[in-house]
PDB file of N, CA and C in Angstrom:
ATOM      1  N   MET A   1      56.153  55.105  27.743  1.00  0.00           N
ATOM      2  CA  MET A   1      54.730  55.255  27.891  1.00  0.00           C
ATOM      3  C   MET A   1      54.089  53.908  28.230  1.00  0.00           C
ATOM      4  N   GLY A   2      54.573  52.866  27.608  1.00  0.00           N
ATOM      5  CA  GLY A   2      54.051  51.542  27.914  1.00  0.00           C
ATOM      6  C   GLY A   2      54.338  51.140  29.348  1.00  0.00           C
ATOM      7  N   LEU A   3      55.509  51.547  29.860  1.00  0.00           N
ATOM      8  CA  LEU A   3      55.846  51.238  31.247  1.00  0.00           C
ATOM      9  C   LEU A   3      54.905  51.942  32.212  1.00  0.00           C
ATOM     10  N   ALA A   4      54.626  53.196  31.940  1.00  0.00           N
ATOM     11  CA  ALA A   4      53.780  53.977  32.836  1.00  0.00           C
ATOM     12  C   ALA A   4      52.343  53.468  32.847  1.00  0.00           C
ATOM     13  N   HIS A   5      51.907  52.927  31.740  1.00  0.00           N
ATOM     14  CA  HIS A   5      50.529  52.477  31.641  1.00  0.00           C
ATOM     15  C   HIS A   5      50.373  50.978  31.872  1.00  0.00           C
ATOM     16  N   GLY A   6      51.480  50.268  31.979  1.00  0.00           N
ATOM     17  CA  GLY A   6      51.394  48.828  32.137  1.00  0.00           C
ATOM     18  C   GLY A   6      50.684  48.192  30.952  1.00  0.00           C
ATOM     19  N   ALA A   7      50.902  48.753  29.768  1.00  0.00           N
ATOM     20  CA  ALA A   7      50.169  48.308  28.580  1.00  0.00           C
ATOM     21  C   ALA A   7      51.132  48.074  27.425  1.00  0.00           C
ATOM     22  N   ASP A   8      50.678  47.312  26.470  1.00  0.00           N
ATOM     23  CA  ASP A   8      51.418  47.078  25.246  1.00  0.00           C
ATOM     24  C   ASP A   8      51.045  48.188  24.262  1.00  0.00           C
ATOM     25  N   ILE A   9      51.877  49.189  24.175  1.00  0.00           N
ATOM     26  CA  ILE A   9      51.590  50.347  23.333  1.00  0.00           C
ATOM     27  C   ILE A   9      51.558  49.957  21.855  1.00  0.00           C
ATOM     28  N   TYR A  10      52.366  48.985  21.460  1.00  0.00           N
ATOM     29  CA  TYR A  10      52.345  48.543  20.063  1.00  0.00           C
ATOM     30  C   TYR A  10      50.982  47.932  19.719  1.00  0.00           C
ATOM     31  N   ARG A  11      50.422  47.167  20.637  1.00  0.00           N
ATOM     32  CA  ARG A  11      49.096  46.590  20.414  1.00  0.00           C
ATOM     33  C   ARG A  11      48.040  47.700  20.323  1.00  0.00           C
ATOM     34  N   ALA A  12      48.146  48.693  21.220  1.00  0.00           N
ATOM     35  CA  ALA A  12      47.187  49.798  21.196  1.00  0.00           C
ATOM     36  C   ALA A  12      47.292  50.561  19.878  1.00  0.00           C
ATOM     37  N   TRP A  13      48.521  50.802  19.414  1.00  0.00           N
ATOM     38  CA  TRP A  13      48.717  51.496  18.140  1.00  0.00           C
ATOM     39  C   TRP A  13      48.148  50.672  16.996  1.00  0.00           C
ATOM     40  N   GLY A  14      48.398  49.373  16.994  1.00  0.00           N
ATOM     41  CA  GLY A  14      47.847  48.498  15.963  1.00  0.00           C
ATOM     42  C   GLY A  14      46.324  48.546  15.935  1.00  0.00           C
ATOM     43  N   ASN A  15      45.702  48.619  17.102  1.00  0.00           N
ATOM     44  CA  ASN A  15      44.246  48.710  17.177  1.00  0.00           C
ATOM     45  C   ASN A  15      43.753  50.021  16.545  1.00  0.00           C
ATOM     46  N   VAL A  16      44.518  51.088  16.729  1.00  0.00           N
ATOM     47  CA  VAL A  16      44.163  52.365  16.104  1.00  0.00           C
ATOM     48  C   VAL A  16      44.268  52.252  14.585  1.00  0.00           C
ATOM     49  N   VAL A  17      45.374  51.709  14.110  1.00  0.00           N
ATOM     50  CA  VAL A  17      45.622  51.627  12.676  1.00  0.00           C
ATOM     51  C   VAL A  17      44.633  50.687  11.989  1.00  0.00           C
ATOM     52  N   VAL A  18      44.405  49.521  12.570  1.00  0.00           N
ATOM     53  CA  VAL A  18      43.561  48.510  11.924  1.00  0.00           C
ATOM     54  C   VAL A  18      42.075  48.789  12.129  1.00  0.00           C
ATOM     55  N   ASN A  19      41.700  49.109  13.361  1.00  0.00           N
ATOM     56  CA  ASN A  19      40.279  49.243  13.691  1.00  0.00           C
ATOM     57  C   ASN A  19      39.805  50.682  13.865  1.00  0.00           C
ATOM     58  N   GLY A  20      40.755  51.612  13.916  1.00  0.00           N
ATOM     59  CA  GLY A  20      40.378  53.003  14.132  1.00  0.00           C
ATOM     60  C   GLY A  20      39.893  53.274  15.546  1.00  0.00           C
ATOM     61  N   LEU A  21      40.247  52.401  16.491  1.00  0.00           N
ATOM     62  CA  LEU A  21      39.788  52.539  17.878  1.00  0.00           C
ATOM     63  C   LEU A  21      40.958  52.767  18.823  1.00  0.00           C
ATOM     64  N   PHE A  22      40.775  53.730  19.699  1.00  0.00           N
ATOM     65  CA  PHE A  22      41.761  53.941  20.761  1.00  0.00           C
ATOM     66  C   PHE A  22      41.011  54.202  22.048  1.00  0.00           C
ATOM     67  N   ALA A  23      41.109  53.279  22.957  1.00  0.00           N
ATOM     68  CA  ALA A  23      40.508  53.455  24.274  1.00  0.00           C
ATOM     69  C   ALA A  23      41.575  54.029  25.191  1.00  0.00           C
ATOM     70  N   PRO A  24      41.279  55.081  25.921  1.00  0.00           N
ATOM     71  CA  PRO A  24      42.264  55.637  26.846  1.00  0.00           C
ATOM     72  C   PRO A  24      42.750  54.566  27.825  1.00  0.00           C
ATOM     73  N   ILE A  25      44.036  54.564  28.038  1.00  0.00           N
ATOM     74  CA  ILE A  25      44.655  53.593  28.946  1.00  0.00           C
ATOM     75  C   ILE A  25      45.019  54.334  30.227  1.00  0.00           C
ATOM     76  N   PRO A  26      44.499  53.922  31.370  1.00  0.00           N
ATOM     77  CA  PRO A  26      44.837  54.627  32.609  1.00  0.00           C
ATOM     78  C   PRO A  26      46.308  54.429  32.979  1.00  0.00           C
ATOM     79  N   ARG A  27      46.882  55.471  33.506  1.00  0.00           N
ATOM     80  CA  ARG A  27      48.276  55.391  33.955  1.00  0.00           C
ATOM     81  C   ARG A  27      48.305  54.669  35.288  1.00  0.00           C
ATOM     82  N   LEU A  28      49.013  53.558  35.350  1.00  0.00           N
ATOM     83  CA  LEU A  28      49.116  52.779  36.579  1.00  0.00           C
ATOM     84  C   LEU A  28      50.359  53.121  37.383  1.00  0.00           C
ATOM     85  N   TYR A  29      51.375  53.604  36.702  1.00  0.00           N
ATOM     86  CA  TYR A  29      52.669  53.824  37.343  1.00  0.00           C
ATOM     87  C   TYR A  29      53.255  55.167  36.918  1.00  0.00           C
ATOM     88  N   ALA A  30      54.203  55.614  37.700  1.00  0.00           N
ATOM     89  CA  ALA A  30      55.093  56.685  37.267  1.00  0.00           C
ATOM     90  C   ALA A  30      56.294  55.977  36.649  1.00  0.00           C
ATOM     91  N   ALA A  31      56.852  56.520  35.614  1.00  0.00           N
ATOM     92  CA  ALA A  31      58.009  55.916  34.961  1.00  0.00           C
ATOM     93  C   ALA A  31      58.998  57.009  34.611  1.00  0.00           C
ATOM     94  N   GLY A  32      60.250  56.651  34.610  1.00  0.00           N
ATOM     95  CA  GLY A  32      61.289  57.608  34.258  1.00  0.00           C
ATOM     96  C   GLY A  32      62.476  56.890  33.657  1.00  0.00           C
ATOM     97  N   ALA A  33      63.232  57.623  32.884  1.00  0.00           N
ATOM     98  CA  ALA A  33      64.417  57.073  32.236  1.00  0.00           C
ATOM     99  C   ALA A  33      65.553  58.073  32.341  1.00  0.00           C
ATOM    100  N   THR A  34      66.745  57.558  32.415  1.00  0.00           N
ATOM    101  CA  THR A  34      67.917  58.417  32.358  1.00  0.00           C
ATOM    102  C   THR A  34      68.974  57.734  31.515  1.00  0.00           C
ATOM    103  N   TYR A  35      69.683  58.536  30.752  1.00  0.00           N
ATOM    104  CA  TYR A  35      70.777  58.021  29.956  1.00  0.00           C
ATOM    105  C   TYR A  35      72.069  58.215  30.723  1.00  0.00           C
ATOM    106  N   ILE A  36      72.971  57.272  30.562  1.00  0.00           N
ATOM    107  CA  ILE A  36      74.276  57.330  31.205  1.00  0.00           C
ATOM    108  C   ILE A  36      75.287  57.574  30.096  1.00  0.00           C
ATOM    109  N   PRO A  37      76.089  58.634  30.220  1.00  0.00           N
ATOM    110  CA  PRO A  37      77.016  58.975  29.130  1.00  0.00           C
ATOM    111  C   PRO A  37      77.959  57.825  28.790  1.00  0.00           C
ATOM    112  N   ARG A  38      78.288  57.720  27.524  1.00  0.00           N
ATOM    113  CA  ARG A  38      79.236  56.691  27.113  1.00  0.00           C
ATOM    114  C   ARG A  38      80.632  57.140  27.482  1.00  0.00           C
ATOM    115  N   ARG A  39      81.346  56.272  28.118  1.00  0.00           N
ATOM    116  CA  ARG A  39      82.731  56.551  28.496  1.00  0.00           C
ATOM    117  C   ARG A  39      83.296  55.330  29.191  1.00  0.00           C
ATOM    118  N   GLU A  40      84.592  55.324  29.273  1.00  0.00           N
ATOM    119  CA  GLU A  40      85.268  54.275  30.030  1.00  0.00           C
ATOM    120  C   GLU A  40      85.099  54.609  31.508  1.00  0.00           C
ATOM    121  N   MET A  41      84.518  53.704  32.259  1.00  0.00           N
ATOM    122  CA  MET A  41      84.393  53.941  33.698  1.00  0.00           C
ATOM    123  C   MET A  41      84.145  52.623  34.397  1.00  0.00           C
ATOM    124  N   PRO A  42      84.632  52.519  35.618  1.00  0.00           N
ATOM    125  CA  PRO A  42      84.325  51.307  36.379  1.00  0.00           C
ATOM    126  C   PRO A  42      82.843  51.314  36.740  1.00  0.00           C
ATOM    127  N   LEU A  43      82.202  50.184  36.599  1.00  0.00           N
ATOM    128  CA  LEU A  43      80.758  50.134  36.795  1.00  0.00           C
ATOM    129  C   LEU A  43      80.351  49.544  38.144  1.00  0.00           C
ATOM    130  N   ALA A  44      81.294  49.137  38.960  1.00  0.00           N
ATOM    131  CA  ALA A  44      80.942  48.461  40.209  1.00  0.00           C
ATOM    132  C   ALA A  44      80.046  49.335  41.093  1.00  0.00           C
ATOM    133  N   TYR A  45      80.381  50.608  41.271  1.00  0.00           N
ATOM    134  CA  TYR A  45      79.582  51.481  42.137  1.00  0.00           C
ATOM    135  C   TYR A  45      78.201  51.722  41.542  1.00  0.00           C
ATOM    136  N   LEU A  46      78.145  52.034  40.257  1.00  0.00           N
ATOM    137  CA  LEU A  46      76.865  52.249  39.586  1.00  0.00           C
ATOM    138  C   LEU A  46      76.021  50.977  39.630  1.00  0.00           C
ATOM    139  N   ASP A  47      76.630  49.843  39.336  1.00  0.00           N
ATOM    140  CA  ASP A  47      75.906  48.566  39.381  1.00  0.00           C
ATOM    141  C   ASP A  47      75.321  48.308  40.764  1.00  0.00           C
ATOM    142  N   GLU A  48      76.063  48.633  41.806  1.00  0.00           N
ATOM    143  CA  GLU A  48      75.575  48.430  43.172  1.00  0.00           C
ATOM    144  C   GLU A  48      74.374  49.329  43.462  1.00  0.00           C
ATOM    145  N   GLN A  49      74.427  50.574  43.018  1.00  0.00           N
ATOM    146  CA  GLN A  49      73.296  51.481  43.237  1.00  0.00           C
ATOM    147  C   GLN A  49      72.053  50.986  42.487  1.00  0.00           C
ATOM    148  N   ILE A  50      72.250  50.501  41.278  1.00  0.00           N
ATOM    149  CA  ILE A  50      71.146  49.956  40.498  1.00  0.00           C
ATOM    150  C   ILE A  50      70.565  48.735  41.209  1.00  0.00           C
ATOM    151  N   ARG A  51      71.429  47.860  41.704  1.00  0.00           N
ATOM    152  CA  ARG A  51      70.975  46.666  42.426  1.00  0.00           C
ATOM    153  C   ARG A  51      70.151  47.043  43.643  1.00  0.00           C
ATOM    154  N   GLN A  52      70.574  48.076  44.374  1.00  0.00           N
ATOM    155  CA  GLN A  52      69.858  48.497  45.575  1.00  0.00           C
ATOM    156  C   GLN A  52      68.492  49.108  45.264  1.00  0.00           C
ATOM    157  N   LEU A  53      68.303  49.608  44.067  1.00  0.00           N
ATOM    158  CA  LEU A  53      66.992  50.144  43.690  1.00  0.00           C
ATOM    159  C   LEU A  53      65.959  49.030  43.504  1.00  0.00           C
ATOM    160  N   GLY A  54      66.416  47.809  43.343  1.00  0.00           N
ATOM    161  CA  GLY A  54      65.540  46.635  43.316  1.00  0.00           C
ATOM    162  C   GLY A  54      64.454  46.685  42.264  1.00  0.00           C
ATOM    163  N   ASP A  55      63.202  46.513  42.715  1.00  0.00           N
ATOM    164  CA  ASP A  55      62.062  46.395  41.805  1.00  0.00           C
ATOM    165  C   ASP A  55      61.723  47.679  41.051  1.00  0.00           C
ATOM    166  N   LEU A  56      62.301  48.804  41.454  1.00  0.00           N
ATOM    167  CA  LEU A  56      62.076  50.038  40.691  1.00  0.00           C
ATOM    168  C   LEU A  56      62.671  49.930  39.286  1.00  0.00           C
ATOM    169  N   VAL A  57      63.740  49.158  39.160  1.00  0.00           N
ATOM    170  CA  VAL A  57      64.461  49.061  37.891  1.00  0.00           C
ATOM    171  C   VAL A  57      63.744  48.090  36.960  1.00  0.00           C
ATOM    172  N   VAL A  58      63.323  48.613  35.816  1.00  0.00           N
ATOM    173  CA  VAL A  58      62.675  47.800  34.798  1.00  0.00           C
ATOM    174  C   VAL A  58      63.714  47.346  33.770  1.00  0.00           C
ATOM    175  N   GLN A  59      64.661  48.232  33.456  1.00  0.00           N
ATOM    176  CA  GLN A  59      65.704  47.899  32.486  1.00  0.00           C
ATOM    177  C   GLN A  59      66.962  48.667  32.846  1.00  0.00           C
ATOM    178  N   TYR A  60      68.100  47.998  32.720  1.00  0.00           N
ATOM    179  CA  TYR A  60      69.391  48.643  32.943  1.00  0.00           C
ATOM    180  C   TYR A  60      70.352  48.133  31.894  1.00  0.00           C
ATOM    181  N   GLU A  61      70.825  49.034  31.091  1.00  0.00           N
ATOM    182  CA  GLU A  61      71.849  48.744  30.095  1.00  0.00           C
ATOM    183  C   GLU A  61      73.053  49.612  30.448  1.00  0.00           C
ATOM    184  N   PRO A  62      74.131  49.028  30.939  1.00  0.00           N
ATOM    185  CA  PRO A  62      75.284  49.842  31.327  1.00  0.00           C
ATOM    186  C   PRO A  62      75.942  50.512  30.124  1.00  0.00           C
ATOM    187  N   PRO A  63      76.605  51.639  30.357  1.00  0.00           N
ATOM    188  CA  PRO A  63      77.287  52.317  29.252  1.00  0.00           C
ATOM    189  C   PRO A  63      78.483  51.500  28.777  1.00  0.00           C
ATOM    190  N   ARG A  64      78.773  51.630  27.529  1.00  0.00           N
ATOM    191  CA  ARG A  64      79.938  50.996  26.917  1.00  0.00           C
ATOM    192  C   ARG A  64      80.754  52.106  26.265  1.00  0.00           C
ATOM    193  N   PRO A  65      81.990  51.832  25.922  1.00  0.00           N
ATOM    194  CA  PRO A  65      82.791  52.895  25.308  1.00  0.00           C
ATOM    195  C   PRO A  65      82.151  53.517  24.060  1.00  0.00           C
ATOM    196  N   ALA A  66      81.392  52.737  23.296  1.00  0.00           N
ATOM    197  CA  ALA A  66      80.809  53.258  22.057  1.00  0.00           C
ATOM    198  C   ALA A  66      79.344  53.650  22.189  1.00  0.00           C
ATOM    199  N   THR A  67      78.677  53.307  23.283  1.00  0.00           N
ATOM    200  CA  THR A  67      77.248  53.605  23.417  1.00  0.00           C
ATOM    201  C   THR A  67      76.905  54.077  24.826  1.00  0.00           C
ATOM    202  N   ALA A  68      75.896  54.920  24.902  1.00  0.00           N
ATOM    203  CA  ALA A  68      75.397  55.375  26.201  1.00  0.00           C
ATOM    204  C   ALA A  68      74.607  54.242  26.855  1.00  0.00           C
ATOM    205  N   GLY A  69      74.493  54.312  28.154  1.00  0.00           N
ATOM    206  CA  GLY A  69      73.679  53.351  28.884  1.00  0.00           C
ATOM    207  C   GLY A  69      72.315  53.952  29.166  1.00  0.00           C
ATOM    208  N   VAL A  70      71.410  53.151  29.686  1.00  0.00           N
ATOM    209  CA  VAL A  70      70.073  53.632  30.022  1.00  0.00           C
ATOM    210  C   VAL A  70      69.559  52.880  31.244  1.00  0.00           C
ATOM    211  N   VAL A  71      68.797  53.613  32.054  1.00  0.00           N
ATOM    212  CA  VAL A  71      68.112  53.022  33.201  1.00  0.00           C
ATOM    213  C   VAL A  71      66.643  53.437  33.106  1.00  0.00           C
ATOM    214  N   LEU A  72      65.746  52.462  33.161  1.00  0.00           N
ATOM    215  CA  LEU A  72      64.310  52.727  33.170  1.00  0.00           C
ATOM    216  C   LEU A  72      63.752  52.299  34.521  1.00  0.00           C
ATOM    217  N   LEU A  73      63.018  53.203  35.164  1.00  0.00           N
ATOM    218  CA  LEU A  73      62.435  52.942  36.474  1.00  0.00           C
ATOM    219  C   LEU A  73      60.921  53.052  36.409  1.00  0.00           C
ATOM    220  N   ARG A  74      60.239  52.306  37.287  1.00  0.00           N
ATOM    221  CA  ARG A  74      58.782  52.356  37.346  1.00  0.00           C
ATOM    222  C   ARG A  74      58.339  52.059  38.777  1.00  0.00           C
ATOM    223  N   HIS A  75      57.338  52.833  39.239  1.00  0.00           N
ATOM    224  CA  HIS A  75      56.772  52.634  40.580  1.00  0.00           C
ATOM    225  C   HIS A  75      55.407  53.301  40.614  1.00  0.00           C
ATOM    226  N   ALA A  76      54.585  52.892  41.540  1.00  0.00           N
ATOM    227  CA  ALA A  76      53.254  53.486  41.669  1.00  0.00           C
ATOM    228  C   ALA A  76      53.310  54.944  42.109  1.00  0.00           C
ATOM    229  N   GLU A  77      54.382  55.332  42.793  1.00  0.00           N
ATOM    230  CA  GLU A  77      54.507  56.699  43.300  1.00  0.00           C
ATOM    231  C   GLU A  77      55.574  57.472  42.530  1.00  0.00           C
ATOM    232  N   THR A  78      55.212  58.651  42.069  1.00  0.00           N
ATOM    233  CA  THR A  78      56.135  59.497  41.318  1.00  0.00           C
ATOM    234  C   THR A  78      57.369  59.845  42.140  1.00  0.00           C
ATOM    235  N   ALA A  79      57.198  60.120  43.424  1.00  0.00           N
ATOM    236  CA  ALA A  79      58.324  60.485  44.282  1.00  0.00           C
ATOM    237  C   ALA A  79      59.375  59.381  44.336  1.00  0.00           C
ATOM    238  N   ALA A  80      58.950  58.138  44.323  1.00  0.00           N
ATOM    239  CA  ALA A  80      59.892  57.019  44.357  1.00  0.00           C
ATOM    240  C   ALA A  80      60.715  56.973  43.068  1.00  0.00           C
ATOM    241  N   VAL A  81      60.082  57.225  41.937  1.00  0.00           N
ATOM    242  CA  VAL A  81      60.808  57.242  40.651  1.00  0.00           C
ATOM    243  C   VAL A  81      61.778  58.414  40.631  1.00  0.00           C
ATOM    244  N   GLU A  82      61.331  59.579  41.079  1.00  0.00           N
ATOM    245  CA  GLU A  82      62.219  60.754  41.097  1.00  0.00           C
ATOM    246  C   GLU A  82      63.428  60.506  41.986  1.00  0.00           C
ATOM    247  N   ALA A  83      63.208  59.926  43.166  1.00  0.00           N
ATOM    248  CA  ALA A  83      64.320  59.631  44.079  1.00  0.00           C
ATOM    249  C   ALA A  83      65.267  58.605  43.459  1.00  0.00           C
ATOM    250  N   GLY A  84      64.725  57.619  42.789  1.00  0.00           N
ATOM    251  CA  GLY A  84      65.559  56.612  42.130  1.00  0.00           C
ATOM    252  C   GLY A  84      66.397  57.202  41.020  1.00  0.00           C
ATOM    253  N   LEU A  85      65.800  58.075  40.212  1.00  0.00           N
ATOM    254  CA  LEU A  85      66.548  58.718  39.134  1.00  0.00           C
ATOM    255  C   LEU A  85      67.651  59.612  39.690  1.00  0.00           C
ATOM    256  N   GLU A  86      67.360  60.295  40.786  1.00  0.00           N
ATOM    257  CA  GLU A  86      68.395  61.135  41.418  1.00  0.00           C
ATOM    258  C   GLU A  86      69.537  60.266  41.945  1.00  0.00           C
ATOM    259  N   ARG A  87      69.202  59.121  42.487  1.00  0.00           N
ATOM    260  CA  ARG A  87      70.227  58.204  43.001  1.00  0.00           C
ATOM    261  C   ARG A  87      71.130  57.726  41.860  1.00  0.00           C
ATOM    262  N   VAL A  88      70.541  57.406  40.729  1.00  0.00           N
ATOM    263  CA  VAL A  88      71.341  56.995  39.564  1.00  0.00           C
ATOM    264  C   VAL A  88      72.226  58.143  39.112  1.00  0.00           C
ATOM    265  N   ALA A  89      71.668  59.349  39.041  1.00  0.00           N
ATOM    266  CA  ALA A  89      72.454  60.516  38.616  1.00  0.00           C
ATOM    267  C   ALA A  89      73.616  60.769  39.565  1.00  0.00           C
ATOM    268  N   GLU A  90      73.374  60.640  40.857  1.00  0.00           N
ATOM    269  CA  GLU A  90      74.456  60.811  41.843  1.00  0.00           C
ATOM    270  C   GLU A  90      75.536  59.751  41.650  1.00  0.00           C
ATOM    271  N   ALA A  91      75.145  58.522  41.380  1.00  0.00           N
ATOM    272  CA  ALA A  91      76.112  57.440  41.166  1.00  0.00           C
ATOM    273  C   ALA A  91      76.958  57.717  39.926  1.00  0.00           C
ATOM    274  N   VAL A  92      76.330  58.236  38.878  1.00  0.00           N
ATOM    275  CA  VAL A  92      77.070  58.554  37.655  1.00  0.00           C
ATOM    276  C   VAL A  92      78.043  59.696  37.916  1.00  0.00           C
ATOM    277  N   ARG A  93      77.598  60.712  38.667  1.00  0.00           N
ATOM    278  CA  ARG A  93      78.501  61.837  38.993  1.00  0.00           C
ATOM    279  C   ARG A  93      79.638  61.395  39.896  1.00  0.00           C
ATOM    280  N   ALA A  94      79.401  60.449  40.792  1.00  0.00           N
ATOM    281  CA  ALA A  94      80.419  59.992  41.731  1.00  0.00           C
ATOM    282  C   ALA A  94      81.438  59.068  41.063  1.00  0.00           C
ATOM    283  N   THR A  95      81.035  58.369  40.033  1.00  0.00           N
ATOM    284  CA  THR A  95      81.905  57.372  39.420  1.00  0.00           C
ATOM    285  C   THR A  95      83.208  57.951  38.889  1.00  0.00           C
ATOM    286  N   PRO A  96      83.241  59.109  38.187  1.00  0.00           N
ATOM    287  CA  PRO A  96      84.525  59.643  37.743  1.00  0.00           C
ATOM    288  C   PRO A  96      85.481  59.921  38.892  1.00  0.00           C
ATOM    289  N   ALA A  97      84.970  60.343  40.050  1.00  0.00           N
ATOM    290  CA  ALA A  97      85.825  60.573  41.210  1.00  0.00           C
ATOM    291  C   ALA A  97      86.449  59.262  41.669  1.00  0.00           C
ATOM    292  N   LEU A  98      85.744  58.175  41.546  1.00  0.00           N
ATOM    293  CA  LEU A  98      86.283  56.882  41.948  1.00  0.00           C
ATOM    294  C   LEU A  98      87.420  56.450  41.029  1.00  0.00           C
ATOM    295  N   ILE A  99      87.406  56.912  39.787  1.00  0.00           N
ATOM    296  CA  ILE A  99      88.469  56.559  38.839  1.00  0.00           C
ATOM    297  C   ILE A  99      89.793  57.151  39.298  1.00  0.00           C
ATOM    298  N   ARG A 100      89.754  58.375  39.812  1.00  0.00           N
ATOM    299  CA  ARG A 100      90.984  59.061  40.223  1.00  0.00           C
ATOM    300  C   ARG A 100      91.573  58.483  41.501  1.00  0.00           C
ATOM    301  N   ASN A 101      90.769  57.881  42.351  1.00  0.00           N
ATOM    302  CA  ASN A 101      91.238  57.404  43.650  1.00  0.00           C
ATOM    303  C   ASN A 101      91.887  56.055  43.581  1.00  0.00           C
TER     304      ASN A 101
END
């Protein structure tokens, strides 16, 4: 939510708790997140797709054997975020096939 609004949500929450005030924060961006399943997999292809998404990527934590990964995207246009999330999903689906080859 903080990504979509370009705001510090913790500060806004603190203002509600301390002062009882909440001013609506306009949404500046579309934001989306996807989790990447935890598993052993080569990350070179996924890393390359993430790199190509450039400024859309706000945070990327690759999956590890014990934890899932996450990708957070943000852009002024919802369609750009949706396309980016689909690209990440395709890269994750393609990666197991690369293991077999």
